[in-house]
């Protein structure tokens, strides 16, 4: 199996940007379905900008469509965020590495930040 993070970080095949320990990459899926095993010791987001993708883990299979964001945890579990159900033009993801990422309303950002990050 391929370590997804290391493969992308060391590859010149994809446009990418690194900020501190964060790695951003643009990946265009091939037209035909390819099955290959990947793993990561890092949490990561996958945003489906167009089309559809079946995301498979050892335990589950997830259908993702345009506008979906998957948060894949290093243990293989995932959180699903459907951007199609939000009507706000702007938003912000709160993410601390321990809790489920949350898309928040910018009109209530002070309250949202306090509630999400309070100890």
C-alpha atoms as a PDB file:
ATOM      1  CA  UNK A   1       0.000   0.000   0.000  1.00  0.00           C
ATOM      2  CA  UNK A   2       1.089   3.568  -0.720  1.00  0.00           C
ATOM      3  CA  UNK A   3       1.534   6.202   1.992  1.00  0.00           C
ATOM      4  CA  UNK A   4      -0.652   8.913   0.459  1.00  0.00           C
ATOM      5  CA  UNK A   5       0.924  11.871   2.273  1.00  0.00           C
ATOM      6  CA  UNK A   6       4.529  10.880   1.517  1.00  0.00           C
ATOM      7  CA  UNK A   7       3.729  10.008  -2.095  1.00  0.00           C
ATOM      8  CA  UNK A   8       2.114  13.388  -2.783  1.00  0.00           C
ATOM      9  CA  UNK A   9       4.707  15.382  -0.815  1.00  0.00           C
ATOM     10  CA  UNK A  10       7.618  13.804  -2.690  1.00  0.00           C
ATOM     11  CA  UNK A  11       5.945  13.798  -6.111  1.00  0.00           C
ATOM     12  CA  UNK A  12       6.072  16.433  -8.844  1.00  0.00           C
ATOM     13  CA  UNK A  13       2.921  15.046 -10.499  1.00  0.00           C
ATOM     14  CA  UNK A  14       0.457  17.410  -8.760  1.00  0.00           C
ATOM     15  CA  UNK A  15       0.219  21.144  -8.141  1.00  0.00           C
ATOM     16  CA  UNK A  16       0.733  21.610  -4.407  1.00  0.00           C
ATOM     17  CA  UNK A  17       1.409  24.162  -1.732  1.00  0.00           C
ATOM     18  CA  UNK A  18       2.913  23.625   1.709  1.00  0.00           C
ATOM     19  CA  UNK A  19       2.258  25.896   4.681  1.00  0.00           C
ATOM     20  CA  UNK A  20       4.090  24.804   7.806  1.00  0.00           C
ATOM     21  CA  UNK A  21       2.959  21.170   8.273  1.00  0.00           C
ATOM     22  CA  UNK A  22      -0.102  21.539   6.001  1.00  0.00           C
ATOM     23  CA  UNK A  23      -0.006  20.164   2.472  1.00  0.00           C
ATOM     24  CA  UNK A  24      -2.523  21.345  -0.135  1.00  0.00           C
ATOM     25  CA  UNK A  25      -2.721  19.461  -3.419  1.00  0.00           C
ATOM     26  CA  UNK A  26      -4.932  19.493  -6.503  1.00  0.00           C
ATOM     27  CA  UNK A  27      -5.628  16.028  -7.854  1.00  0.00           C
ATOM     28  CA  UNK A  28      -7.752  15.249 -10.903  1.00  0.00           C
ATOM     29  CA  UNK A  29      -9.212  11.743 -10.871  1.00  0.00           C
ATOM     30  CA  UNK A  30      -8.886   9.613 -13.956  1.00  0.00           C
ATOM     31  CA  UNK A  31     -12.005   8.875 -15.981  1.00  0.00           C
ATOM     32  CA  UNK A  32     -11.894   5.157 -15.381  1.00  0.00           C
ATOM     33  CA  UNK A  33     -12.073   3.769 -11.876  1.00  0.00           C
ATOM     34  CA  UNK A  34      -8.715   2.760 -10.490  1.00  0.00           C
ATOM     35  CA  UNK A  35      -8.400   0.738  -7.334  1.00  0.00           C
ATOM     36  CA  UNK A  36      -5.200   0.979  -5.392  1.00  0.00           C
ATOM     37  CA  UNK A  37      -4.442   0.841  -1.719  1.00  0.00           C
ATOM     38  CA  UNK A  38      -3.403   3.996   0.100  1.00  0.00           C
ATOM     39  CA  UNK A  39      -3.010   4.812   3.745  1.00  0.00           C
ATOM     40  CA  UNK A  40      -2.029   7.914   5.658  1.00  0.00           C
ATOM     41  CA  UNK A  41      -0.788   8.552   9.145  1.00  0.00           C
ATOM     42  CA  UNK A  42      -2.252  12.061   8.760  1.00  0.00           C
ATOM     43  CA  UNK A  43      -5.822  13.342   8.767  1.00  0.00           C
ATOM     44  CA  UNK A  44      -6.850  14.865   5.444  1.00  0.00           C
ATOM     45  CA  UNK A  45      -9.690  16.595   3.607  1.00  0.00           C
ATOM     46  CA  UNK A  46     -10.916  15.638   0.144  1.00  0.00           C
ATOM     47  CA  UNK A  47     -13.098  18.176  -1.682  1.00  0.00           C
ATOM     48  CA  UNK A  48     -15.024  16.918  -4.704  1.00  0.00           C
ATOM     49  CA  UNK A  49     -15.137  19.900  -7.086  1.00  0.00           C
ATOM     50  CA  UNK A  50     -16.863  18.040  -9.922  1.00  0.00           C
ATOM     51  CA  UNK A  51     -18.070  14.573 -10.803  1.00  0.00           C
ATOM     52  CA  UNK A  52     -18.276  11.803  -8.249  1.00  0.00           C
ATOM     53  CA  UNK A  53     -15.926   9.509  -6.380  1.00  0.00           C
ATOM     54  CA  UNK A  54     -16.346   6.360  -4.336  1.00  0.00           C
ATOM     55  CA  UNK A  55     -14.094   6.538  -1.270  1.00  0.00           C
ATOM     56  CA  UNK A  56     -13.339   3.131   0.190  1.00  0.00           C
ATOM     57  CA  UNK A  57     -11.885   2.260   3.552  1.00  0.00           C
ATOM     58  CA  UNK A  58     -11.325  -1.117   5.140  1.00  0.00           C
ATOM     59  CA  UNK A  59     -14.711  -0.890   6.839  1.00  0.00           C
ATOM     60  CA  UNK A  60     -16.927   1.250   4.579  1.00  0.00           C
ATOM     61  CA  UNK A  61     -17.542   2.694   1.143  1.00  0.00           C
ATOM     62  CA  UNK A  62     -18.699   6.301   0.674  1.00  0.00           C
ATOM     63  CA  UNK A  63     -20.214   7.922  -2.397  1.00  0.00           C
ATOM     64  CA  UNK A  64     -19.042  11.522  -2.731  1.00  0.00           C
ATOM     65  CA  UNK A  65     -20.463  13.946  -5.281  1.00  0.00           C
ATOM     66  CA  UNK A  66     -19.707  17.478  -6.428  1.00  0.00           C
ATOM     67  CA  UNK A  67     -19.687  19.874  -3.479  1.00  0.00           C
ATOM     68  CA  UNK A  68     -18.922  17.235  -0.846  1.00  0.00           C
ATOM     69  CA  UNK A  69     -16.014  17.406   1.553  1.00  0.00           C
ATOM     70  CA  UNK A  70     -14.725  14.277   3.233  1.00  0.00           C
ATOM     71  CA  UNK A  71     -12.557  14.527   6.323  1.00  0.00           C
ATOM     72  CA  UNK A  72     -10.623  11.280   6.454  1.00  0.00           C
ATOM     73  CA  UNK A  73      -9.124  10.555   9.846  1.00  0.00           C
ATOM     74  CA  UNK A  74      -5.860   8.696  10.178  1.00  0.00           C
ATOM     75  CA  UNK A  75      -7.755   5.792  11.762  1.00  0.00           C
ATOM     76  CA  UNK A  76      -9.686   5.371   8.472  1.00  0.00           C
ATOM     77  CA  UNK A  77     -12.991   6.782   9.726  1.00  0.00           C
ATOM     78  CA  UNK A  78     -14.493   9.792   8.006  1.00  0.00           C
ATOM     79  CA  UNK A  79     -16.721  12.784   8.549  1.00  0.00           C
ATOM     80  CA  UNK A  80     -18.951  13.930   5.698  1.00  0.00           C
ATOM     81  CA  UNK A  81     -19.711  17.600   5.011  1.00  0.00           C
ATOM     82  CA  UNK A  82     -22.307  18.370   2.331  1.00  0.00           C
ATOM     83  CA  UNK A  83     -21.688  21.910   1.065  1.00  0.00           C
ATOM     84  CA  UNK A  84     -24.803  21.675  -1.095  1.00  0.00           C
ATOM     85  CA  UNK A  85     -27.014  22.100   1.982  1.00  0.00           C
ATOM     86  CA  UNK A  86     -25.442  25.430   3.001  1.00  0.00           C
ATOM     87  CA  UNK A  87     -26.813  28.654   1.554  1.00  0.00           C
ATOM     88  CA  UNK A  88     -24.230  31.113   2.884  1.00  0.00           C
ATOM     89  CA  UNK A  89     -21.824  32.609   0.381  1.00  0.00           C
ATOM     90  CA  UNK A  90     -18.996  32.632   2.909  1.00  0.00           C
ATOM     91  CA  UNK A  91     -18.016  30.246   5.638  1.00  0.00           C
ATOM     92  CA  UNK A  92     -15.094  29.056   7.665  1.00  0.00           C
ATOM     93  CA  UNK A  93     -14.025  25.585   8.701  1.00  0.00           C
ATOM     94  CA  UNK A  94     -12.983  25.220  12.301  1.00  0.00           C
ATOM     95  CA  UNK A  95     -10.583  22.377  12.857  1.00  0.00           C
ATOM     96  CA  UNK A  96      -8.325  21.568  15.784  1.00  0.00           C
ATOM     97  CA  UNK A  97      -7.162  18.045  14.893  1.00  0.00           C
ATOM     98  CA  UNK A  98      -9.176  16.412  17.674  1.00  0.00           C
ATOM     99  CA  UNK A  99     -12.798  17.374  17.048  1.00  0.00           C
ATOM    100  CA  UNK A 100     -14.909  16.943  13.967  1.00  0.00           C
ATOM    101  CA  UNK A 101     -14.358  19.880  11.561  1.00  0.00           C
ATOM    102  CA  UNK A 102     -17.244  22.322  11.583  1.00  0.00           C
ATOM    103  CA  UNK A 103     -18.396  24.717   8.878  1.00  0.00           C
ATOM    104  CA  UNK A 104     -19.595  27.851  10.647  1.00  0.00           C
ATOM    105  CA  UNK A 105     -21.726  30.823   9.731  1.00  0.00           C
ATOM    106  CA  UNK A 106     -19.651  33.997   9.448  1.00  0.00           C
ATOM    107  CA  UNK A 107     -22.528  36.077  10.897  1.00  0.00           C
ATOM    108  CA  UNK A 108     -22.026  34.321  14.257  1.00  0.00           C
ATOM    109  CA  UNK A 109     -18.282  33.789  14.084  1.00  0.00           C
ATOM    110  CA  UNK A 110     -17.484  35.063  17.605  1.00  0.00           C
ATOM    111  CA  UNK A 111     -19.921  32.649  19.237  1.00  0.00           C
ATOM    112  CA  UNK A 112     -18.946  29.779  16.930  1.00  0.00           C
ATOM    113  CA  UNK A 113     -15.239  30.213  17.705  1.00  0.00           C
ATOM    114  CA  UNK A 114     -15.866  30.358  21.436  1.00  0.00           C
ATOM    115  CA  UNK A 115     -18.098  27.272  21.492  1.00  0.00           C
ATOM    116  CA  UNK A 116     -15.847  25.162  19.256  1.00  0.00           C
ATOM    117  CA  UNK A 117     -12.538  25.953  20.945  1.00  0.00           C
ATOM    118  CA  UNK A 118     -13.612  26.224  24.592  1.00  0.00           C
ATOM    119  CA  UNK A 119     -11.927  23.714  26.863  1.00  0.00           C
END
